[in-house]
Structures are given as structure tokens and as C-alpha cells.
Amino acid sequence: HADATTGLGVRPSGQTDVGRLLRNARRADLGANIVPAGWVAT
């Protein structure tokens, strides 16, 4: 449902969601696809 993503005020700019990263976990780079929570700016 991704409600935590919504509640954290995430504004992605091309990053891949965790579900698609799980599909190829050995090669995927989680660190390159994390997004700052919108809360940090405030």
C-alpha cells in the first residue's frame, strides 16, 4: 500500500522502488535509490 512512503513526504526523482529492487537483489543498489524524507527539509 506504500502508506509510509506517502506519510514521509517522499518526492522521488527517478529512484526505483524497493519492490523492483528486490527482483534483482544481488545486482541492485539500494543506496542509489533511497529518497530523503520530505520531513528533513522542515
All heavy atoms as atom14 arrays in JSON, in Angstrom:
{
  "sequence": "HADATTGLGVRPSGQTDVGRLLRNARRADLGANIVPAGWVAT",
  "atom14_mask": [
    [1, 1, 1, 1, 1, 1, 1, 1, 1, 1, 0, 0, 0, 0],
    [1, 1, 1, 1, 1, 0, 0, 0, 0, 0, 0, 0, 0, 0],
    [1, 1, 1, 1, 1, 1, 1, 1, 0, 0, 0, 0, 0, 0],
    [1, 1, 1, 1, 1, 0, 0, 0, 0, 0, 0, 0, 0, 0],
    [1, 1, 1, 1, 1, 1, 1, 0, 0, 0, 0, 0, 0, 0],
    [1, 1, 1, 1, 1, 1, 1, 0, 0, 0, 0, 0, 0, 0],
    [1, 1, 1, 1, 0, 0, 0, 0, 0, 0, 0, 0, 0, 0],
    [1, 1, 1, 1, 1, 1, 1, 1, 0, 0, 0, 0, 0, 0],
    [1, 1, 1, 1, 0, 0, 0, 0, 0, 0, 0, 0, 0, 0],
    [1, 1, 1, 1, 1, 1, 1, 0, 0, 0, 0, 0, 0, 0],
    [1, 1, 1, 1, 1, 1, 1, 1, 1, 1, 1, 0, 0, 0],
    [1, 1, 1, 1, 1, 1, 1, 0, 0, 0, 0, 0, 0, 0],
    [1, 1, 1, 1, 1, 1, 0, 0, 0, 0, 0, 0, 0, 0],
    [1, 1, 1, 1, 0, 0, 0, 0, 0, 0, 0, 0, 0, 0],
    [1, 1, 1, 1, 1, 1, 1, 1, 1, 0, 0, 0, 0, 0],
    [1, 1, 1, 1, 1, 1, 1, 0, 0, 0, 0, 0, 0, 0],
    [1, 1, 1, 1, 1, 1, 1, 1, 0, 0, 0, 0, 0, 0],
    [1, 1, 1, 1, 1, 1, 1, 0, 0, 0, 0, 0, 0, 0],
    [1, 1, 1, 1, 0, 0, 0, 0, 0, 0, 0, 0, 0, 0],
    [1, 1, 1, 1, 1, 1, 1, 1, 1, 1, 1, 0, 0, 0],
    [1, 1, 1, 1, 1, 1, 1, 1, 0, 0, 0, 0, 0, 0],
    [1, 1, 1, 1, 1, 1, 1, 1, 0, 0, 0, 0, 0, 0],
    [1, 1, 1, 1, 1, 1, 1, 1, 1, 1, 1, 0, 0, 0],
    [1, 1, 1, 1, 1, 1, 1, 1, 0, 0, 0, 0, 0, 0],
    [1, 1, 1, 1, 1, 0, 0, 0, 0, 0, 0, 0, 0, 0],
    [1, 1, 1, 1, 1, 1, 1, 1, 1, 1, 1, 0, 0, 0],
    [1, 1, 1, 1, 1, 1, 1, 1, 1, 1, 1, 0, 0, 0],
    [1, 1, 1, 1, 1, 0, 0, 0, 0, 0, 0, 0, 0, 0],
    [1, 1, 1, 1, 1, 1, 1, 1, 0, 0, 0, 0, 0, 0],
    [1, 1, 1, 1, 1, 1, 1, 1, 0, 0, 0, 0, 0, 0],
    [1, 1, 1, 1, 0, 0, 0, 0, 0, 0, 0, 0, 0, 0],
    [1, 1, 1, 1, 1, 0, 0, 0, 0, 0, 0, 0, 0, 0],
    [1, 1, 1, 1, 1, 1, 1, 1, 0, 0, 0, 0, 0, 0],
    [1, 1, 1, 1, 1, 1, 1, 1, 0, 0, 0, 0, 0, 0],
    [1, 1, 1, 1, 1, 1, 1, 0, 0, 0, 0, 0, 0, 0],
    [1, 1, 1, 1, 1, 1, 1, 0, 0, 0, 0, 0, 0, 0],
    [1, 1, 1, 1, 1, 0, 0, 0, 0, 0, 0, 0, 0, 0],
    [1, 1, 1, 1, 0, 0, 0, 0, 0, 0, 0, 0, 0, 0],
    [1, 1, 1, 1, 1, 1, 1, 1, 1, 1, 1, 1, 1, 1],
    [1, 1, 1, 1, 1, 1, 1, 0, 0, 0, 0, 0, 0, 0],
    [1, 1, 1, 1, 1, 0, 0, 0, 0, 0, 0, 0, 0, 0],
    [1, 1, 1, 1, 1, 1, 1, 0, 0, 0, 0, 0, 0, 0]
  ],
  "atom14_positions": [
    [[0.82, -1.21, 0.0], [0.0, 0.0, 0.0], [0.85, 1.26, 0.0], [0.36, 2.34, -0.36], [-0.93, 0.0, 1.21], [-2.01, -1.03, 1.13], [-2.1, -2.07, 2.02], [-3.05, -1.2, 0.26], [-3.13, -2.83, 1.72], [-3.72, -2.33, 0.65], [0.0, 0.0, 0.0], [0.0, 0.0, 0.0], [0.0, 0.0, 0.0], [0.0, 0.0, 0.0]],
    [[2.1, 1.17, 0.45], [3.07, 2.27, 0.42], [2.6, 3.5, 1.19], [2.96, 4.63, 0.84], [3.41, 2.64, -1.03], [0.0, 0.0, 0.0], [0.0, 0.0, 0.0], [0.0, 0.0, 0.0], [0.0, 0.0, 0.0], [0.0, 0.0, 0.0], [0.0, 0.0, 0.0], [0.0, 0.0, 0.0], [0.0, 0.0, 0.0], [0.0, 0.0, 0.0]],
    [[1.84, 3.29, 2.26], [1.35, 4.43, 3.04], [2.49, 5.15, 3.77], [2.45, 6.37, 3.95], [0.3, 3.97, 4.05], [-0.99, 3.52, 3.37], [-1.25, 3.99, 2.24], [-1.73, 2.72, 3.97], [0.0, 0.0, 0.0], [0.0, 0.0, 0.0], [0.0, 0.0, 0.0], [0.0, 0.0, 0.0], [0.0, 0.0, 0.0], [0.0, 0.0, 0.0]],
    [[3.5, 4.42, 4.23], [4.63, 5.07, 4.9], [5.36, 6.0, 3.95], [5.79, 7.1, 4.34], [5.59, 4.02, 5.46], [0.0, 0.0, 0.0], [0.0, 0.0, 0.0], [0.0, 0.0, 0.0], [0.0, 0.0, 0.0], [0.0, 0.0, 0.0], [0.0, 0.0, 0.0], [0.0, 0.0, 0.0], [0.0, 0.0, 0.0], [0.0, 0.0, 0.0]],
    [[5.51, 5.59, 2.71], [6.15, 6.45, 1.7], [5.39, 7.76, 1.55], [5.98, 8.84, 1.51], [6.22, 5.71, 0.35], [7.01, 4.53, 0.51], [6.84, 6.58, -0.72], [0.0, 0.0, 0.0], [0.0, 0.0, 0.0], [0.0, 0.0, 0.0], [0.0, 0.0, 0.0], [0.0, 0.0, 0.0], [0.0, 0.0, 0.0], [0.0, 0.0, 0.0]],
    [[4.06, 7.66, 1.49], [3.23, 8.86, 1.37], [3.35, 9.73, 2.61], [3.54, 10.94, 2.52], [1.76, 8.46, 1.15], [1.65, 7.66, -0.03], [0.88, 9.69, 1.02], [0.0, 0.0, 0.0], [0.0, 0.0, 0.0], [0.0, 0.0, 0.0], [0.0, 0.0, 0.0], [0.0, 0.0, 0.0], [0.0, 0.0, 0.0], [0.0, 0.0, 0.0]],
    [[3.26, 9.1, 3.79], [3.3, 9.86, 5.03], [4.62, 10.53, 5.3], [4.69, 11.53, 6.03], [0.0, 0.0, 0.0], [0.0, 0.0, 0.0], [0.0, 0.0, 0.0], [0.0, 0.0, 0.0], [0.0, 0.0, 0.0], [0.0, 0.0, 0.0], [0.0, 0.0, 0.0], [0.0, 0.0, 0.0], [0.0, 0.0, 0.0], [0.0, 0.0, 0.0]],
    [[5.7, 10.01, 4.73], [7.03, 10.58, 4.91], [7.33, 11.71, 3.92], [8.43, 12.27, 3.92], [8.09, 9.49, 4.78], [8.19, 8.56, 6.0], [8.81, 7.23, 5.62], [8.99, 9.22, 7.12], [0.0, 0.0, 0.0], [0.0, 0.0, 0.0], [0.0, 0.0, 0.0], [0.0, 0.0, 0.0], [0.0, 0.0, 0.0], [0.0, 0.0, 0.0]],
    [[6.35, 12.04, 3.09], [6.52, 13.17, 2.18], [7.58, 12.95, 1.13], [8.31, 13.88, 0.76], [0.0, 0.0, 0.0], [0.0, 0.0, 0.0], [0.0, 0.0, 0.0], [0.0, 0.0, 0.0], [0.0, 0.0, 0.0], [0.0, 0.0, 0.0], [0.0, 0.0, 0.0], [0.0, 0.0, 0.0], [0.0, 0.0, 0.0], [0.0, 0.0, 0.0]],
    [[7.67, 11.73, 0.62], [8.71, 11.39, -0.36], [8.4, 12.01, -1.71], [7.27, 11.94, -2.21], [8.84, 9.86, -0.49], [9.73, 9.5, -1.66], [9.38, 9.28, 0.8], [0.0, 0.0, 0.0], [0.0, 0.0, 0.0], [0.0, 0.0, 0.0], [0.0, 0.0, 0.0], [0.0, 0.0, 0.0], [0.0, 0.0, 0.0], [0.0, 0.0, 0.0]],
    [[9.43, 12.61, -2.29], [9.31, 13.17, -3.65], [10.42, 12.55, -4.5], [11.52, 13.09, -4.59], [9.43, 14.7, -3.62], [8.28, 15.38, -2.9], [8.47, 16.89, -2.84], [7.31, 17.54, -2.24], [7.13, 17.69, -0.94], [8.05, 17.21, -0.09], [6.06, 18.3, -0.47], [0.0, 0.0, 0.0], [0.0, 0.0, 0.0], [0.0, 0.0, 0.0]],
    [[10.13, 11.43, -5.16], [11.17, 10.74, -5.92], [11.56, 11.52, -7.17], [10.77, 12.28, -7.72], [10.51, 9.41, -6.29], [9.04, 9.7, -6.27], [8.84, 10.73, -5.21], [0.0, 0.0, 0.0], [0.0, 0.0, 0.0], [0.0, 0.0, 0.0], [0.0, 0.0, 0.0], [0.0, 0.0, 0.0], [0.0, 0.0, 0.0], [0.0, 0.0, 0.0]],
    [[12.78, 11.28, -7.6], [13.26, 11.89, -8.84], [13.99, 10.82, -9.65], [15.2, 10.92, -9.89], [14.18, 13.07, -8.55], [15.25, 12.68, -7.7], [0.0, 0.0, 0.0], [0.0, 0.0, 0.0], [0.0, 0.0, 0.0], [0.0, 0.0, 0.0], [0.0, 0.0, 0.0], [0.0, 0.0, 0.0], [0.0, 0.0, 0.0], [0.0, 0.0, 0.0]],
    [[13.26, 9.78, -10.0], [13.82, 8.73, -10.84], [14.32, 7.51, -10.08], [14.79, 6.55, -10.7], [0.0, 0.0, 0.0], [0.0, 0.0, 0.0], [0.0, 0.0, 0.0], [0.0, 0.0, 0.0], [0.0, 0.0, 0.0], [0.0, 0.0, 0.0], [0.0, 0.0, 0.0], [0.0, 0.0, 0.0], [0.0, 0.0, 0.0], [0.0, 0.0, 0.0]],
    [[14.22, 7.5, -8.75], [14.67, 6.33, -7.98], [13.7, 5.16, -8.16], [12.52, 5.34, -8.45], [14.8, 6.67, -6.49], [15.91, 7.65, -6.18], [15.43, 9.09, -6.19], [14.37, 9.41, -6.74], [16.2, 9.96, -5.58], [0.0, 0.0, 0.0], [0.0, 0.0, 0.0], [0.0, 0.0, 0.0], [0.0, 0.0, 0.0], [0.0, 0.0, 0.0]],
    [[14.24, 3.97, -7.95], [13.47, 2.74, -8.11], [12.89, 2.31, -6.76], [13.57, 2.4, -5.73], [14.37, 1.62, -8.67], [14.92, 2.05, -9.92], [13.59, 0.34, -8.88], [0.0, 0.0, 0.0], [0.0, 0.0, 0.0], [0.0, 0.0, 0.0], [0.0, 0.0, 0.0], [0.0, 0.0, 0.0], [0.0, 0.0, 0.0], [0.0, 0.0, 0.0]],
    [[11.65, 1.85, -6.76], [11.02, 1.42, -5.51], [11.61, 0.09, -5.04], [12.25, -0.64, -5.81], [9.5, 1.29, -5.7], [9.13, 0.22, -6.71], [9.08, -0.96, -6.34], [8.91, 0.57, -7.89], [0.0, 0.0, 0.0], [0.0, 0.0, 0.0], [0.0, 0.0, 0.0], [0.0, 0.0, 0.0], [0.0, 0.0, 0.0], [0.0, 0.0, 0.0]],
    [[11.37, -0.22, -3.76], [12.01, -1.39, -3.15], [11.51, -2.69, -3.77], [12.26, -3.67, -3.85], [11.8, -1.37, -1.62], [10.34, -1.64, -1.25], [12.73, -2.36, -0.93], [0.0, 0.0, 0.0], [0.0, 0.0, 0.0], [0.0, 0.0, 0.0], [0.0, 0.0, 0.0], [0.0, 0.0, 0.0], [0.0, 0.0, 0.0], [0.0, 0.0, 0.0]],
    [[10.27, -2.74, -4.22], [9.76, -3.95, -4.84], [10.56, -4.35, -6.07], [10.91, -5.52, -6.25], [0.0, 0.0, 0.0], [0.0, 0.0, 0.0], [0.0, 0.0, 0.0], [0.0, 0.0, 0.0], [0.0, 0.0, 0.0], [0.0, 0.0, 0.0], [0.0, 0.0, 0.0], [0.0, 0.0, 0.0], [0.0, 0.0, 0.0], [0.0, 0.0, 0.0]],
    [[10.86, -3.4, -6.93], [11.64, -3.69, -8.14], [13.1, -3.98, -7.8], [13.75, -4.76, -8.5], [11.52, -2.53, -9.12], [10.13, -2.45, -9.77], [9.98, -1.27, -10.7], [8.73, -1.35, -11.44], [7.54, -0.97, -10.97], [7.45, -0.5, -9.73], [6.45, -1.09, -11.7], [0.0, 0.0, 0.0], [0.0, 0.0, 0.0], [0.0, 0.0, 0.0]],
    [[13.61, -3.35, -6.74], [14.97, -3.66, -6.31], [15.07, -5.1, -5.81], [16.08, -5.77, -6.03], [15.41, -2.7, -5.22], [15.57, -1.23, -5.62], [15.86, -0.38, -4.39], [16.67, -1.06, -6.67], [0.0, 0.0, 0.0], [0.0, 0.0, 0.0], [0.0, 0.0, 0.0], [0.0, 0.0, 0.0], [0.0, 0.0, 0.0], [0.0, 0.0, 0.0]],
    [[14.04, -5.57, -5.13], [14.03, -6.95, -4.63], [14.12, -7.96, -5.77], [14.66, -9.05, -5.6], [12.77, -7.21, -3.81], [12.7, -6.55, -2.43], [11.3, -6.68, -1.86], [13.73, -7.14, -1.48], [0.0, 0.0, 0.0], [0.0, 0.0, 0.0], [0.0, 0.0, 0.0], [0.0, 0.0, 0.0], [0.0, 0.0, 0.0], [0.0, 0.0, 0.0]],
    [[13.59, -7.59, -6.91], [13.56, -8.53, -8.04], [14.96, -8.93, -8.47], [15.18, -10.06, -8.91], [12.81, -7.89, -9.21], [12.61, -8.83, -10.38], [11.74, -8.19, -11.44], [11.49, -9.12, -12.54], [10.74, -8.83, -13.59], [10.16, -7.63, -13.69], [10.56, -9.72, -14.54], [0.0, 0.0, 0.0], [0.0, 0.0, 0.0], [0.0, 0.0, 0.0]],
    [[15.92, -8.03, -8.33], [17.29, -8.33, -8.73], [18.22, -7.91, -7.58], [19.11, -7.07, -7.76], [17.64, -7.6, -10.02], [18.91, -8.12, -10.65], [19.44, -9.16, -10.26], [19.44, -7.37, -11.61], [0.0, 0.0, 0.0], [0.0, 0.0, 0.0], [0.0, 0.0, 0.0], [0.0, 0.0, 0.0], [0.0, 0.0, 0.0], [0.0, 0.0, 0.0]],
    [[17.99, -8.49, -6.42], [18.63, -8.02, -5.18], [20.15, -8.08, -5.23], [20.83, -7.24, -4.66], [18.11, -8.83, -4.0], [0.0, 0.0, 0.0], [0.0, 0.0, 0.0], [0.0, 0.0, 0.0], [0.0, 0.0, 0.0], [0.0, 0.0, 0.0], [0.0, 0.0, 0.0], [0.0, 0.0, 0.0], [0.0, 0.0, 0.0], [0.0, 0.0, 0.0]],
    [[20.71, -9.07, -5.89], [22.17, -9.21, -5.91], [22.84, -8.09, -6.66], [23.95, -7.67, -6.31], [22.55, -10.57, -6.52], [22.2, -11.75, -5.63], [22.75, -13.03, -6.2], [22.47, -14.17, -5.33], [22.86, -15.42, -5.58], [23.56, -15.68, -6.68], [22.57, -16.39, -4.75], [0.0, 0.0, 0.0], [0.0, 0.0, 0.0], [0.0, 0.0, 0.0]],
    [[22.21, -7.59, -7.7], [22.82, -6.54, -8.51], [22.3, -5.16, -8.17], [22.95, -4.15, -8.48], [22.58, -6.82, -9.99], [23.25, -8.1, -10.49], [23.03, -8.27, -11.98], [23.65, -9.49, -12.48], [23.61, -9.88, -13.75], [22.96, -9.15, -14.64], [24.2, -11.01, -14.12], [0.0, 0.0, 0.0], [0.0, 0.0, 0.0], [0.0, 0.0, 0.0]],
    [[21.15, -5.07, -7.55], [20.52, -3.78, -7.29], [21.32, -2.98, -6.26], [21.94, -3.54, -5.36], [19.09, -3.99, -6.81], [0.0, 0.0, 0.0], [0.0, 0.0, 0.0], [0.0, 0.0, 0.0], [0.0, 0.0, 0.0], [0.0, 0.0, 0.0], [0.0, 0.0, 0.0], [0.0, 0.0, 0.0], [0.0, 0.0, 0.0], [0.0, 0.0, 0.0]],
    [[21.27, -1.67, -6.39], [21.97, -0.77, -5.48], [20.92, 0.01, -4.68], [20.38, 1.01, -5.16], [22.86, 0.18, -6.28], [23.71, 1.08, -5.39], [23.51, 1.06, -4.16], [24.57, 1.79, -5.93], [0.0, 0.0, 0.0], [0.0, 0.0, 0.0], [0.0, 0.0, 0.0], [0.0, 0.0, 0.0], [0.0, 0.0, 0.0], [0.0, 0.0, 0.0]],
    [[20.63, -0.47, -3.48], [19.64, 0.2, -2.66], [20.08, 1.62, -2.31], [19.28, 2.56, -2.34], [19.39, -0.61, -1.37], [18.41, 0.0, -0.36], [17.04, 0.2, -0.99], [18.3, -0.9, 0.88], [0.0, 0.0, 0.0], [0.0, 0.0, 0.0], [0.0, 0.0, 0.0], [0.0, 0.0, 0.0], [0.0, 0.0, 0.0], [0.0, 0.0, 0.0]],
    [[21.36, 1.78, -2.0], [21.85, 3.1, -1.62], [21.63, 4.16, -2.68], [21.42, 5.34, -2.36], [0.0, 0.0, 0.0], [0.0, 0.0, 0.0], [0.0, 0.0, 0.0], [0.0, 0.0, 0.0], [0.0, 0.0, 0.0], [0.0, 0.0, 0.0], [0.0, 0.0, 0.0], [0.0, 0.0, 0.0], [0.0, 0.0, 0.0], [0.0, 0.0, 0.0]],
    [[21.66, 3.77, -3.94], [21.48, 4.74, -5.03], [20.02, 5.06, -5.27], [19.7, 5.95, -6.08], [22.11, 4.19, -6.32], [0.0, 0.0, 0.0], [0.0, 0.0, 0.0], [0.0, 0.0, 0.0], [0.0, 0.0, 0.0], [0.0, 0.0, 0.0], [0.0, 0.0, 0.0], [0.0, 0.0, 0.0], [0.0, 0.0, 0.0], [0.0, 0.0, 0.0]],
    [[19.13, 4.34, -4.6], [17.69, 4.51, -4.87], [16.89, 4.92, -3.64], [15.66, 4.92, -3.69], [17.13, 3.21, -5.44], [17.58, 2.97, -6.87], [17.06, 3.58, -7.81], [18.57, 2.1, -7.03], [0.0, 0.0, 0.0], [0.0, 0.0, 0.0], [0.0, 0.0, 0.0], [0.0, 0.0, 0.0], [0.0, 0.0, 0.0], [0.0, 0.0, 0.0]],
    [[17.57, 5.27, -2.56], [16.84, 5.81, -1.42], [16.51, 7.27, -1.66], [17.19, 7.96, -2.43], [17.65, 5.65, -0.12], [19.02, 6.32, -0.24], [17.8, 4.18, 0.25], [19.82, 6.29, 1.03], [0.0, 0.0, 0.0], [0.0, 0.0, 0.0], [0.0, 0.0, 0.0], [0.0, 0.0, 0.0], [0.0, 0.0, 0.0], [0.0, 0.0, 0.0]],
    [[15.46, 7.73, -1.01], [14.96, 9.09, -1.2], [14.88, 9.77, 0.16], [14.38, 9.17, 1.11], [13.57, 9.08, -1.86], [13.12, 10.5, -2.19], [13.58, 8.22, -3.12], [0.0, 0.0, 0.0], [0.0, 0.0, 0.0], [0.0, 0.0, 0.0], [0.0, 0.0, 0.0], [0.0, 0.0, 0.0], [0.0, 0.0, 0.0], [0.0, 0.0, 0.0]],
    [[15.35, 11.0, 0.3], [15.21, 11.69, 1.58], [13.74, 11.9, 1.92], [12.93, 12.24, 1.05], [15.92, 13.04, 1.35], [16.77, 12.83, 0.15], [16.07, 11.81, -0.7], [0.0, 0.0, 0.0], [0.0, 0.0, 0.0], [0.0, 0.0, 0.0], [0.0, 0.0, 0.0], [0.0, 0.0, 0.0], [0.0, 0.0, 0.0], [0.0, 0.0, 0.0]],
    [[13.39, 11.72, 3.17], [12.03, 12.03, 3.61], [11.82, 13.54, 3.5], [12.71, 14.34, 3.77], [11.82, 11.57, 5.04], [0.0, 0.0, 0.0], [0.0, 0.0, 0.0], [0.0, 0.0, 0.0], [0.0, 0.0, 0.0], [0.0, 0.0, 0.0], [0.0, 0.0, 0.0], [0.0, 0.0, 0.0], [0.0, 0.0, 0.0], [0.0, 0.0, 0.0]],
    [[10.61, 13.9, 3.1], [10.29, 15.32, 3.0], [10.34, 16.03, 4.34], [10.46, 17.26, 4.39], [0.0, 0.0, 0.0], [0.0, 0.0, 0.0], [0.0, 0.0, 0.0], [0.0, 0.0, 0.0], [0.0, 0.0, 0.0], [0.0, 0.0, 0.0], [0.0, 0.0, 0.0], [0.0, 0.0, 0.0], [0.0, 0.0, 0.0], [0.0, 0.0, 0.0]],
    [[10.28, 15.26, 5.43], [10.32, 15.86, 6.76], [11.63, 16.59, 7.05], [11.66, 17.53, 7.83], [10.16, 14.78, 7.82], [8.88, 14.04, 7.81], [7.79, 14.26, 7.02], [8.54, 12.94, 8.65], [6.8, 13.37, 7.3], [7.23, 12.53, 8.3], [9.22, 12.24, 9.65], [6.59, 11.48, 8.93], [8.59, 11.19, 10.27], [7.29, 10.81, 9.92]],
    [[12.73, 16.12, 6.46], [14.05, 16.66, 6.8], [14.13, 18.15, 6.46], [14.72, 18.95, 7.19], [15.16, 15.88, 6.08], [16.52, 16.52, 6.34], [15.16, 14.43, 6.54], [0.0, 0.0, 0.0], [0.0, 0.0, 0.0], [0.0, 0.0, 0.0], [0.0, 0.0, 0.0], [0.0, 0.0, 0.0], [0.0, 0.0, 0.0], [0.0, 0.0, 0.0]],
    [[13.5, 18.54, 5.37], [13.55, 19.94, 4.95], [12.87, 20.86, 5.95], [13.19, 22.05, 6.04], [12.9, 20.1, 3.57], [0.0, 0.0, 0.0], [0.0, 0.0, 0.0], [0.0, 0.0, 0.0], [0.0, 0.0, 0.0], [0.0, 0.0, 0.0], [0.0, 0.0, 0.0], [0.0, 0.0, 0.0], [0.0, 0.0, 0.0], [0.0, 0.0, 0.0]],
    [[11.93, 20.32, 6.73], [11.2, 21.14, 7.7], [11.65, 20.87, 9.13], [10.98, 21.27, 10.07], [9.69, 20.88, 7.58], [9.42, 19.49, 7.81], [9.18, 21.27, 6.21], [0.0, 0.0, 0.0], [0.0, 0.0, 0.0], [0.0, 0.0, 0.0], [0.0, 0.0, 0.0], [0.0, 0.0, 0.0], [0.0, 0.0, 0.0], [0.0, 0.0, 0.0]]
  ]
}
